[in-house]
C-alpha atoms as a PDB file:
ATOM      1  CA  MET A   1       0.741 -28.493 -18.919  1.00  0.00           C
ATOM      2  CA  ALA A   2       2.254 -26.065 -21.089  1.00  0.00           C
ATOM      3  CA  GLU A   3       6.175 -24.820 -21.602  1.00  0.00           C
ATOM      4  CA  HIS A   4       7.430 -21.139 -21.174  1.00  0.00           C
ATOM      5  CA  ASP A   5      10.306 -19.091 -20.812  1.00  0.00           C
ATOM      6  CA  HIS A   6      10.956 -18.747 -16.914  1.00  0.00           C
ATOM      7  CA  HIS A   7      13.888 -16.084 -18.248  1.00  0.00           C
ATOM      8  CA  ASP A   8      10.834 -14.040 -19.774  1.00  0.00           C
ATOM      9  CA  PRO A   9       7.775 -12.466 -17.609  1.00  0.00           C
ATOM     10  CA  LEU A  10       6.135 -11.746 -21.065  1.00  0.00           C
ATOM     11  CA  ALA A  11       6.349 -15.070 -21.778  1.00  0.00           C
ATOM     12  CA  HIS A  12       3.951 -16.310 -18.777  1.00  0.00           C
ATOM     13  CA  PRO A  13       0.352 -18.005 -19.985  1.00  0.00           C
ATOM     14  CA  GLU A  14      -1.845 -16.279 -17.665  1.00  0.00           C
ATOM     15  CA  VAL A  15       0.164 -12.618 -19.194  1.00  0.00           C
ATOM     16  CA  GLN A  16      -0.493 -14.107 -22.913  1.00  0.00           C
ATOM     17  CA  GLN A  17      -3.697 -14.284 -21.696  1.00  0.00           C
ATOM     18  CA  ALA A  18      -4.170 -10.417 -20.921  1.00  0.00           C
ATOM     19  CA  SER A  19      -6.119  -8.289 -23.538  1.00  0.00           C
ATOM     20  CA  THR A  20      -6.380  -4.161 -24.743  1.00  0.00           C
ATOM     21  CA  GLY A  21      -9.576  -4.961 -25.179  1.00  0.00           C
ATOM     22  CA  ARG A  22     -10.997  -6.349 -21.739  1.00  0.00           C
ATOM     23  CA  TYR A  23      -8.881  -3.775 -20.095  1.00  0.00           C
ATOM     24  CA  VAL A  24     -10.661  -1.634 -21.292  1.00  0.00           C
ATOM     25  CA  ALA A  25     -13.865  -3.064 -21.214  1.00  0.00           C
ATOM     26  CA  ALA A  26     -13.556  -3.507 -17.535  1.00  0.00           C
ATOM     27  CA  PHE A  27     -12.732   0.252 -17.363  1.00  0.00           C
ATOM     28  CA  VAL A  28     -16.006   1.304 -19.413  1.00  0.00           C
ATOM     29  CA  LEU A  29     -17.847  -1.034 -16.795  1.00  0.00           C
ATOM     30  CA  ALA A  30     -16.138   0.630 -13.966  1.00  0.00           C
ATOM     31  CA  LEU A  31     -16.858   3.517 -15.377  1.00  0.00           C
ATOM     32  CA  VAL A  32     -20.393   3.518 -16.212  1.00  0.00           C
ATOM     33  CA  ALA A  33     -21.731   2.326 -12.181  1.00  0.00           C
ATOM     34  CA  LEU A  34     -19.969   4.813 -11.174  1.00  0.00           C
ATOM     35  CA  LEU A  35     -21.432   6.995 -13.668  1.00  0.00           C
ATOM     36  CA  ILE A  36     -25.331   5.416 -12.955  1.00  0.00           C
ATOM     37  CA  SER A  37     -24.286   5.428  -9.471  1.00  0.00           C
ATOM     38  CA  CYS A  38     -24.239   9.024  -8.711  1.00  0.00           C
ATOM     39  CA  ILE A  39     -27.068   9.463 -11.205  1.00  0.00           C
ATOM     40  CA  VAL A  40     -29.062   7.398  -8.266  1.00  0.00           C
ATOM     41  CA  THR A  41     -27.580   9.361  -6.005  1.00  0.00           C
ATOM     42  CA  ALA A  42     -27.965  12.624  -7.350  1.00  0.00           C
ATOM     43  CA  GLY A  43     -30.234  12.710  -9.390  1.00  0.00           C
ATOM     44  CA  PHE A  44     -33.335  10.419  -8.373  1.00  0.00           C
ATOM     45  CA  ASP A  45     -35.952  11.202  -4.915  1.00  0.00           C
ATOM     46  CA  LEU A  46     -35.294   7.451  -4.171  1.00  0.00           C
ATOM     47  CA  SER A  47     -35.193   6.311   0.034  1.00  0.00           C
ATOM     48  CA  ARG A  48     -31.973   5.510   1.785  1.00  0.00           C
ATOM     49  CA  ASP A  49     -32.764   1.860   1.672  1.00  0.00           C
ATOM     50  CA  MET A  50     -33.324   1.933  -2.285  1.00  0.00           C
ATOM     51  CA  THR A  51     -30.704   3.765  -3.370  1.00  0.00           C
ATOM     52  CA  ILE A  52     -28.297   1.768  -1.212  1.00  0.00           C
ATOM     53  CA  ALA A  53     -29.814  -0.976  -2.699  1.00  0.00           C
ATOM     54  CA  TRP A  54     -28.885   0.496  -6.191  1.00  0.00           C
ATOM     55  CA  ILE A  55     -25.664   1.093  -5.747  1.00  0.00           C
ATOM     56  CA  SER A  56     -24.704  -2.233  -4.568  1.00  0.00           C
ATOM     57  CA  ILE A  57     -26.668  -3.741  -7.139  1.00  0.00           C
ATOM     58  CA  LEU A  58     -24.221  -1.837  -9.718  1.00  0.00           C
ATOM     59  CA  ALA A  59     -21.064  -2.376  -7.394  1.00  0.00           C
ATOM     60  CA  ALA A  60     -21.317  -6.038  -7.707  1.00  0.00           C
ATOM     61  CA  ILE A  61     -22.303  -6.062 -11.183  1.00  0.00           C
ATOM     62  CA  ALA A  62     -18.957  -3.939 -12.076  1.00  0.00           C
ATOM     63  CA  ALA A  63     -17.088  -6.572  -9.727  1.00  0.00           C
ATOM     64  CA  THR A  64     -18.372  -9.628 -11.636  1.00  0.00           C
ATOM     65  CA  GLY A  65     -17.271  -7.683 -14.436  1.00  0.00           C
ATOM     66  CA  GLN A  66     -13.541  -6.931 -13.452  1.00  0.00           C
ATOM     67  CA  VAL A  67     -13.504 -10.242 -11.638  1.00  0.00           C
ATOM     68  CA  TYR A  68     -14.053 -11.966 -15.297  1.00  0.00           C
ATOM     69  CA  LEU A  69     -12.483 -10.111 -17.598  1.00  0.00           C
ATOM     70  CA  LEU A  70      -9.310  -8.892 -15.343  1.00  0.00           C
ATOM     71  CA  PHE A  71      -8.443 -12.057 -13.575  1.00  0.00           C
ATOM     72  CA  ASN A  72     -10.071 -14.204 -16.140  1.00  0.00           C
ATOM     73  CA  LEU A  73     -11.313 -16.042 -13.507  1.00  0.00           C
ATOM     74  CA  ASN A  74     -13.703 -18.945 -14.897  1.00  0.00           C
ATOM     75  CA  LEU A  75     -14.952 -22.781 -14.611  1.00  0.00           C
ATOM     76  CA  SER A  76     -11.891 -23.981 -17.313  1.00  0.00           C
ATOM     77  CA  LYS A  77      -9.405 -25.861 -15.722  1.00  0.00           C
ATOM     78  CA  ALA A  78      -6.596 -23.922 -15.541  1.00  0.00           C
ATOM     79  CA  MET A  79      -8.274 -21.485 -13.653  1.00  0.00           C
ATOM     80  CA  ARG A  80     -10.214 -23.594 -11.257  1.00  0.00           C
ATOM     81  CA  TRP A  81      -7.693 -22.989  -8.587  1.00  0.00           C
ATOM     82  CA  HIS A  82      -8.110 -19.486  -9.115  1.00  0.00           C
ATOM     83  CA  THR A  83     -11.887 -18.825  -8.571  1.00  0.00           C
ATOM     84  CA  ALA A  84     -11.544 -21.382  -6.134  1.00  0.00           C
ATOM     85  CA  ALA A  85      -9.627 -19.157  -3.947  1.00  0.00           C
ATOM     86  CA  PHE A  86     -11.437 -16.170  -5.108  1.00  0.00           C
ATOM     87  CA  VAL A  87     -14.883 -17.606  -3.908  1.00  0.00           C
ATOM     88  CA  LEU A  88     -13.422 -19.221  -0.562  1.00  0.00           C
ATOM     89  CA  THR A  89     -11.568 -15.176   0.041  1.00  0.00           C
ATOM     90  CA  ALA A  90     -14.219 -12.945  -0.949  1.00  0.00           C
ATOM     91  CA  PRO A  91     -16.887 -13.649   1.871  1.00  0.00           C
ATOM     92  CA  LEU A  92     -13.855 -13.102   4.356  1.00  0.00           C
ATOM     93  CA  VAL A  93     -13.079  -9.488   3.133  1.00  0.00           C
ATOM     94  CA  LEU A  94     -16.957  -8.214   2.917  1.00  0.00           C
ATOM     95  CA  MET A  95     -17.278  -9.697   6.296  1.00  0.00           C
ATOM     96  CA  ALA A  96     -14.182  -8.009   7.464  1.00  0.00           C
ATOM     97  CA  ILE A  97     -15.633  -5.183   6.487  1.00  0.00           C
ATOM     98  CA  GLY A  98     -18.994  -5.502   7.292  1.00  0.00           C
ATOM     99  CA  LEU A  99     -18.314  -5.967  10.670  1.00  0.00           C
ATOM    100  CA  THR A 100     -15.806  -3.287  11.237  1.00  0.00           C
ATOM    101  CA  LEU A 101     -19.017  -0.605  10.102  1.00  0.00           C
ATOM    102  CA  PHE A 102     -21.050  -2.353  12.890  1.00  0.00           C
ATOM    103  CA  MET A 103     -18.023  -1.892  15.308  1.00  0.00           C
ATOM    104  CA  PHE A 104     -17.392   1.960  14.260  1.00  0.00           C
ATOM    105  CA  HIS A 105     -20.942   2.229  14.150  1.00  0.00           C
ATOM    106  CA  TYR A 106     -22.173   1.134  17.677  1.00  0.00           C
ATOM    107  CA  LEU A 107     -18.625   2.793  19.096  1.00  0.00           C
ATOM    108  CA  MET A 108     -19.912   6.135  17.631  1.00  0.00           C
ATOM    109  CA  ILE A 109     -23.454   6.058  19.397  1.00  0.00           C
ATOM    110  CA  ARG A 110     -21.369   4.802  22.891  1.00  0.00           C
ATOM    111  CA  THR A 111     -18.671   7.515  22.665  1.00  0.00           C
ATOM    112  CA  THR A 112     -20.870  10.504  21.429  1.00  0.00           C
ATOM    113  CA  ALA A 113     -23.432  12.465  22.909  1.00  0.00           C
ATOM    114  CA  GLY A 114     -27.042  12.408  21.372  1.00  0.00           C
ATOM    115  CA  GLY A 115     -25.822   9.424  18.686  1.00  0.00           C
END
């Protein structure tokens, strides 16, 4: 295991992997995905399902890029456990969001006049 000074947080190996280029690339990727999704939403006459599909694909591309560029998650030996923890946690977060949307959707139908 690599030695590092416990008194200097900037000497930590994970901090040493960070770079300005990776942060800028992640920001640009997210910005481009956001702009394309805005264009798809406002500029094209797509069906509701196609619009949601395009936005979901762009969100997945942006999220994957940010996970790799910002968190440096990959299958290397050093990052294996971080990647495994993320892969096992992400579905739980998505499930919680999905179930919350499901719950509020049906709550609105049951509590408003005319649904």
